């Protein structure tokens, strides 16, 4: 739903057109995991990136979770690093929440 929303809003702001999913799913073949690691994927990276600066931030990163799942220690650490370096990184528990974060990010309300 998050990317469906972005596709509908592309004309409103450039951030909607460049939002992308970071392919870091844990459930994939060993070969796929090796290929992703060799390509530079780091364990704990958030699921979504919006590489457009808005307000005081350089980029937006969103880690998507479904309750009762919790972020891994690597995810918590990466989010801290991203936030400490001029980005806005957070955890969202639904696509609706992620859309609201993106809307607030674009509006400079974060």
N, C-alpha and C. Protein backbone atom coordinates (compact mmCIF):
# COMPACT_ATOMS: atom_id res chain seq x y z
N UNK A 1 0.80 -1.19 0.00
CA UNK A 1 0.00 0.00 0.00
C UNK A 1 0.85 1.27 0.00
N UNK A 2 1.96 1.25 0.71
CA UNK A 2 2.83 2.42 0.80
C UNK A 2 3.28 2.86 -0.59
N UNK A 3 3.75 1.91 -1.40
CA UNK A 3 4.25 2.28 -2.73
C UNK A 3 3.10 2.58 -3.70
N UNK A 4 1.94 1.99 -3.51
CA UNK A 4 0.77 2.37 -4.29
C UNK A 4 0.44 3.84 -4.04
N UNK A 5 0.49 4.24 -2.78
CA UNK A 5 0.24 5.64 -2.43
C UNK A 5 1.28 6.54 -3.10
N UNK A 6 2.56 6.17 -3.00
CA UNK A 6 3.62 6.97 -3.61
C UNK A 6 3.38 7.13 -5.11
N UNK A 7 3.00 6.05 -5.78
CA UNK A 7 2.76 6.11 -7.22
C UNK A 7 1.63 7.08 -7.57
N UNK A 8 0.64 7.17 -6.72
CA UNK A 8 -0.49 8.09 -6.95
C UNK A 8 -0.10 9.54 -6.69
N UNK A 9 0.94 9.77 -5.91
CA UNK A 9 1.31 11.12 -5.49
C UNK A 9 2.54 11.69 -6.20
N UNK A 10 3.05 11.00 -7.20
CA UNK A 10 4.29 11.41 -7.86
C UNK A 10 4.26 12.86 -8.32
N UNK A 11 3.15 13.32 -8.84
CA UNK A 11 3.07 14.70 -9.34
C UNK A 11 3.13 15.74 -8.21
N UNK A 12 2.91 15.33 -6.98
CA UNK A 12 2.85 16.26 -5.86
C UNK A 12 4.22 16.67 -5.31
N UNK A 13 5.18 15.75 -5.36
CA UNK A 13 6.51 16.03 -4.79
C UNK A 13 7.50 15.00 -5.33
N UNK A 14 8.74 15.41 -5.62
CA UNK A 14 9.74 14.46 -6.15
C UNK A 14 10.03 13.28 -5.24
N UNK A 15 9.85 13.45 -3.94
CA UNK A 15 10.14 12.36 -3.00
C UNK A 15 9.31 11.12 -3.30
N UNK A 16 8.08 11.31 -3.74
CA UNK A 16 7.22 10.16 -4.04
C UNK A 16 7.76 9.32 -5.19
N UNK A 17 8.44 9.95 -6.13
CA UNK A 17 8.91 9.23 -7.31
C UNK A 17 10.21 8.46 -7.09
N UNK A 18 10.91 8.75 -6.00
CA UNK A 18 12.20 8.07 -5.78
C UNK A 18 12.20 7.16 -4.56
N UNK A 19 11.08 7.04 -3.87
CA UNK A 19 11.01 6.12 -2.73
C UNK A 19 11.24 4.70 -3.24
N UNK A 20 12.02 3.93 -2.51
CA UNK A 20 12.29 2.56 -2.94
C UNK A 20 12.44 1.61 -1.76
N UNK A 21 12.26 0.34 -2.07
CA UNK A 21 12.38 -0.74 -1.10
C UNK A 21 13.81 -1.26 -1.11
N UNK A 22 14.38 -1.44 0.07
CA UNK A 22 15.72 -2.03 0.20
C UNK A 22 15.52 -3.53 0.38
N UNK A 23 16.00 -4.31 -0.55
CA UNK A 23 15.76 -5.76 -0.58
C UNK A 23 16.60 -6.46 0.48
N UNK A 24 16.10 -6.47 1.70
CA UNK A 24 16.86 -7.07 2.79
C UNK A 24 16.08 -8.13 3.56
N UNK A 25 15.17 -8.80 2.87
CA UNK A 25 14.37 -9.83 3.53
C UNK A 25 15.25 -10.97 4.00
N UNK A 26 14.97 -11.45 5.18
CA UNK A 26 15.72 -12.58 5.72
C UNK A 26 15.32 -13.90 5.11
N UNK A 27 14.13 -13.96 4.55
CA UNK A 27 13.63 -15.22 3.99
C UNK A 27 13.90 -15.27 2.50
N UNK A 28 15.08 -15.74 2.17
CA UNK A 28 15.44 -15.95 0.77
C UNK A 28 16.49 -17.06 0.73
N UNK A 29 16.80 -17.48 -0.44
CA UNK A 29 17.76 -18.57 -0.58
C UNK A 29 19.15 -18.12 -0.13
N UNK A 30 19.97 -19.09 0.18
CA UNK A 30 21.35 -18.79 0.58
C UNK A 30 22.07 -18.07 -0.55
N UNK A 31 21.83 -18.50 -1.78
CA UNK A 31 22.47 -17.87 -2.93
C UNK A 31 22.08 -16.40 -3.03
N UNK A 32 20.80 -16.10 -2.80
CA UNK A 32 20.32 -14.71 -2.87
C UNK A 32 20.95 -13.89 -1.75
N UNK A 33 21.02 -14.45 -0.55
CA UNK A 33 21.64 -13.73 0.57
C UNK A 33 23.11 -13.42 0.29
N UNK A 34 23.82 -14.39 -0.27
CA UNK A 34 25.24 -14.19 -0.60
C UNK A 34 25.37 -13.09 -1.65
N UNK A 35 24.52 -13.13 -2.68
CA UNK A 35 24.56 -12.11 -3.74
C UNK A 35 24.28 -10.72 -3.18
N UNK A 36 23.29 -10.61 -2.29
CA UNK A 36 22.96 -9.31 -1.70
C UNK A 36 24.11 -8.80 -0.83
N UNK A 37 24.71 -9.69 -0.05
CA UNK A 37 25.83 -9.28 0.79
C UNK A 37 27.01 -8.82 -0.06
N UNK A 38 27.29 -9.53 -1.14
CA UNK A 38 28.38 -9.15 -2.03
C UNK A 38 28.09 -7.82 -2.73
N UNK A 39 26.80 -7.53 -2.91
CA UNK A 39 26.40 -6.27 -3.54
C UNK A 39 26.42 -5.10 -2.55
N UNK A 40 26.69 -5.38 -1.28
CA UNK A 40 26.84 -4.31 -0.29
C UNK A 40 25.71 -4.16 0.70
N UNK A 41 24.72 -5.03 0.66
CA UNK A 41 23.62 -4.92 1.61
C UNK A 41 24.11 -5.22 3.02
N UNK A 42 23.72 -4.38 3.96
CA UNK A 42 24.12 -4.54 5.34
C UNK A 42 22.94 -5.06 6.17
N UNK A 43 23.24 -5.95 7.08
CA UNK A 43 22.22 -6.48 7.98
C UNK A 43 21.67 -5.34 8.84
N UNK A 44 20.34 -5.26 8.94
CA UNK A 44 19.72 -4.25 9.78
C UNK A 44 19.26 -3.00 9.05
N UNK A 45 19.53 -2.90 7.74
CA UNK A 45 19.10 -1.71 7.00
C UNK A 45 17.58 -1.65 6.97
N UNK A 46 17.01 -0.44 7.08
CA UNK A 46 15.55 -0.30 7.02
C UNK A 46 14.99 -0.76 5.68
N UNK A 47 13.69 -0.98 5.64
CA UNK A 47 13.01 -1.51 4.46
C UNK A 47 12.79 -0.49 3.35
N UNK A 48 12.60 0.77 3.73
CA UNK A 48 12.23 1.81 2.75
C UNK A 48 13.19 2.97 2.87
N UNK A 49 13.56 3.52 1.72
CA UNK A 49 14.39 4.72 1.67
C UNK A 49 13.73 5.74 0.76
N UNK A 50 13.72 6.99 1.20
CA UNK A 50 13.29 8.12 0.38
C UNK A 50 14.49 9.08 0.36
N UNK A 51 15.32 8.99 -0.70
CA UNK A 51 16.59 9.72 -0.72
C UNK A 51 16.46 11.18 -1.17
N UNK A 52 15.52 11.90 -0.58
CA UNK A 52 15.30 13.32 -0.89
C UNK A 52 15.31 14.08 0.43
N UNK A 53 16.10 15.12 0.50
CA UNK A 53 16.13 15.93 1.69
C UNK A 53 14.85 16.75 1.85
N UNK A 54 14.34 16.81 3.06
CA UNK A 54 13.17 17.63 3.39
C UNK A 54 13.40 18.22 4.78
N UNK A 55 13.12 19.51 4.91
CA UNK A 55 13.35 20.14 6.20
C UNK A 55 14.82 20.04 6.57
N UNK A 56 15.09 19.59 7.77
CA UNK A 56 16.48 19.50 8.24
C UNK A 56 17.13 18.15 7.96
N UNK A 57 16.43 17.26 7.28
CA UNK A 57 16.93 15.90 7.07
C UNK A 57 17.43 15.67 5.65
N UNK A 58 18.40 14.77 5.53
CA UNK A 58 18.95 14.40 4.22
C UNK A 58 18.09 13.37 3.50
N UNK A 59 17.53 12.42 4.26
CA UNK A 59 16.76 11.32 3.68
C UNK A 59 15.86 10.72 4.76
N UNK A 60 14.89 9.95 4.30
CA UNK A 60 13.96 9.25 5.20
C UNK A 60 14.18 7.75 5.05
N UNK A 61 14.24 7.06 6.19
CA UNK A 61 14.35 5.61 6.22
C UNK A 61 13.25 5.06 7.12
N UNK A 62 12.55 4.04 6.65
CA UNK A 62 11.47 3.44 7.43
C UNK A 62 11.69 1.93 7.53
N UNK A 63 11.70 1.44 8.75
CA UNK A 63 11.72 0.00 8.99
C UNK A 63 10.28 -0.42 9.25
N UNK A 64 9.77 -1.33 8.44
CA UNK A 64 8.40 -1.81 8.60
C UNK A 64 8.38 -3.05 9.49
N UNK A 65 7.48 -3.05 10.46
CA UNK A 65 7.32 -4.19 11.36
C UNK A 65 5.84 -4.52 11.48
N UNK A 66 5.56 -5.77 11.76
CA UNK A 66 4.21 -6.23 12.05
C UNK A 66 4.25 -6.78 13.47
N UNK A 67 3.34 -6.29 14.32
CA UNK A 67 3.31 -6.79 15.70
C UNK A 67 2.95 -8.26 15.69
N UNK A 68 3.57 -9.04 16.51
CA UNK A 68 4.37 -8.74 17.68
C UNK A 68 5.88 -8.68 17.41
N UNK A 69 6.30 -8.67 16.14
CA UNK A 69 7.73 -8.63 15.82
C UNK A 69 8.37 -7.37 16.39
N UNK A 70 9.63 -7.49 16.72
CA UNK A 70 10.40 -6.38 17.27
C UNK A 70 11.64 -6.17 16.42
N UNK A 71 12.17 -4.96 16.42
CA UNK A 71 13.40 -4.73 15.65
C UNK A 71 14.57 -5.50 16.24
N UNK A 72 15.44 -5.96 15.37
CA UNK A 72 16.64 -6.66 15.81
C UNK A 72 17.63 -5.64 16.39
N UNK A 73 18.60 -6.11 17.15
CA UNK A 73 19.64 -5.19 17.65
C UNK A 73 20.35 -4.46 16.51
N UNK A 74 20.57 -5.15 15.38
CA UNK A 74 21.22 -4.52 14.23
C UNK A 74 20.34 -3.40 13.67
N UNK A 75 19.03 -3.63 13.61
CA UNK A 75 18.12 -2.60 13.10
C UNK A 75 18.11 -1.38 14.01
N UNK A 76 18.07 -1.61 15.31
CA UNK A 76 18.09 -0.49 16.27
C UNK A 76 19.38 0.31 16.10
N UNK A 77 20.50 -0.38 15.96
CA UNK A 77 21.80 0.30 15.82
C UNK A 77 21.87 1.10 14.52
N UNK A 78 21.42 0.52 13.41
CA UNK A 78 21.44 1.23 12.12
C UNK A 78 20.55 2.47 12.19
N UNK A 79 19.37 2.35 12.80
CA UNK A 79 18.47 3.51 12.92
C UNK A 79 19.15 4.61 13.74
N UNK A 80 19.83 4.26 14.81
CA UNK A 80 20.57 5.25 15.60
C UNK A 80 21.63 5.95 14.76
N UNK A 81 22.38 5.18 13.98
CA UNK A 81 23.44 5.74 13.13
C UNK A 81 22.84 6.68 12.08
N UNK A 82 21.77 6.24 11.42
CA UNK A 82 21.13 7.08 10.41
C UNK A 82 20.63 8.39 11.01
N UNK A 83 19.97 8.31 12.17
CA UNK A 83 19.46 9.52 12.82
C UNK A 83 20.59 10.45 13.27
N UNK A 84 21.69 9.88 13.72
CA UNK A 84 22.82 10.69 14.19
C UNK A 84 23.55 11.39 13.05
N UNK A 85 23.24 11.00 11.81
CA UNK A 85 23.95 11.55 10.66
C UNK A 85 23.04 12.32 9.72
N UNK A 86 22.02 12.96 10.26
CA UNK A 86 21.22 13.90 9.49
C UNK A 86 20.04 13.31 8.73
N UNK A 87 19.70 12.07 9.01
CA UNK A 87 18.56 11.44 8.37
C UNK A 87 17.42 11.30 9.37
N UNK A 88 16.23 11.01 8.87
CA UNK A 88 15.13 10.66 9.76
C UNK A 88 14.85 9.18 9.53
N UNK A 89 15.09 8.37 10.55
CA UNK A 89 14.87 6.93 10.47
C UNK A 89 13.95 6.51 11.60
N UNK A 90 12.98 5.66 11.29
CA UNK A 90 12.00 5.25 12.30
C UNK A 90 11.46 3.86 11.98
N UNK A 91 10.67 3.36 12.92
CA UNK A 91 9.98 2.09 12.76
C UNK A 91 8.49 2.39 12.64
N UNK A 92 7.84 1.79 11.65
CA UNK A 92 6.40 1.93 11.47
C UNK A 92 5.77 0.55 11.57
N UNK A 93 4.59 0.50 12.17
CA UNK A 93 3.91 -0.76 12.43
C UNK A 93 2.77 -1.03 11.45
N UNK A 94 2.56 -0.12 10.49
CA UNK A 94 1.54 -0.33 9.45
C UNK A 94 1.86 0.55 8.26
N UNK A 95 1.28 0.22 7.11
CA UNK A 95 1.49 1.06 5.93
C UNK A 95 0.86 2.43 6.12
N UNK A 96 -0.27 2.50 6.84
CA UNK A 96 -0.89 3.79 7.13
C UNK A 96 0.05 4.68 7.94
N UNK A 97 0.69 4.10 8.93
CA UNK A 97 1.65 4.86 9.73
C UNK A 97 2.82 5.34 8.88
N UNK A 98 3.31 4.48 7.99
CA UNK A 98 4.42 4.84 7.11
C UNK A 98 4.03 5.98 6.17
N UNK A 99 2.81 5.95 5.65
CA UNK A 99 2.33 7.03 4.78
C UNK A 99 2.28 8.34 5.56
N UNK A 100 1.80 8.30 6.79
CA UNK A 100 1.73 9.52 7.61
C UNK A 100 3.12 10.08 7.89
N UNK A 101 4.07 9.19 8.17
CA UNK A 101 5.45 9.64 8.39
C UNK A 101 5.97 10.30 7.12
N UNK A 102 5.75 9.70 5.97
CA UNK A 102 6.21 10.28 4.71
C UNK A 102 5.55 11.64 4.46
N UNK A 103 4.26 11.74 4.69
CA UNK A 103 3.56 13.02 4.50
C UNK A 103 4.15 14.10 5.42
N UNK A 104 4.38 13.76 6.68
CA UNK A 104 4.97 14.72 7.62
C UNK A 104 6.40 15.06 7.24
N UNK A 105 7.13 14.08 6.76
CA UNK A 105 8.51 14.31 6.32
C UNK A 105 8.54 15.33 5.18
N UNK A 106 7.71 15.10 4.18
CA UNK A 106 7.66 15.99 3.02
C UNK A 106 7.20 17.39 3.42
N UNK A 107 6.28 17.47 4.36
CA UNK A 107 5.76 18.76 4.82
C UNK A 107 6.72 19.47 5.78
N UNK A 108 7.82 18.81 6.16
CA UNK A 108 8.78 19.42 7.08
C UNK A 108 8.29 19.48 8.50
N UNK A 109 7.39 18.57 8.87
CA UNK A 109 6.80 18.57 10.21
C UNK A 109 7.49 17.61 11.18
N UNK A 110 8.58 17.01 10.78
CA UNK A 110 9.27 16.06 11.67
C UNK A 110 10.44 16.73 12.36
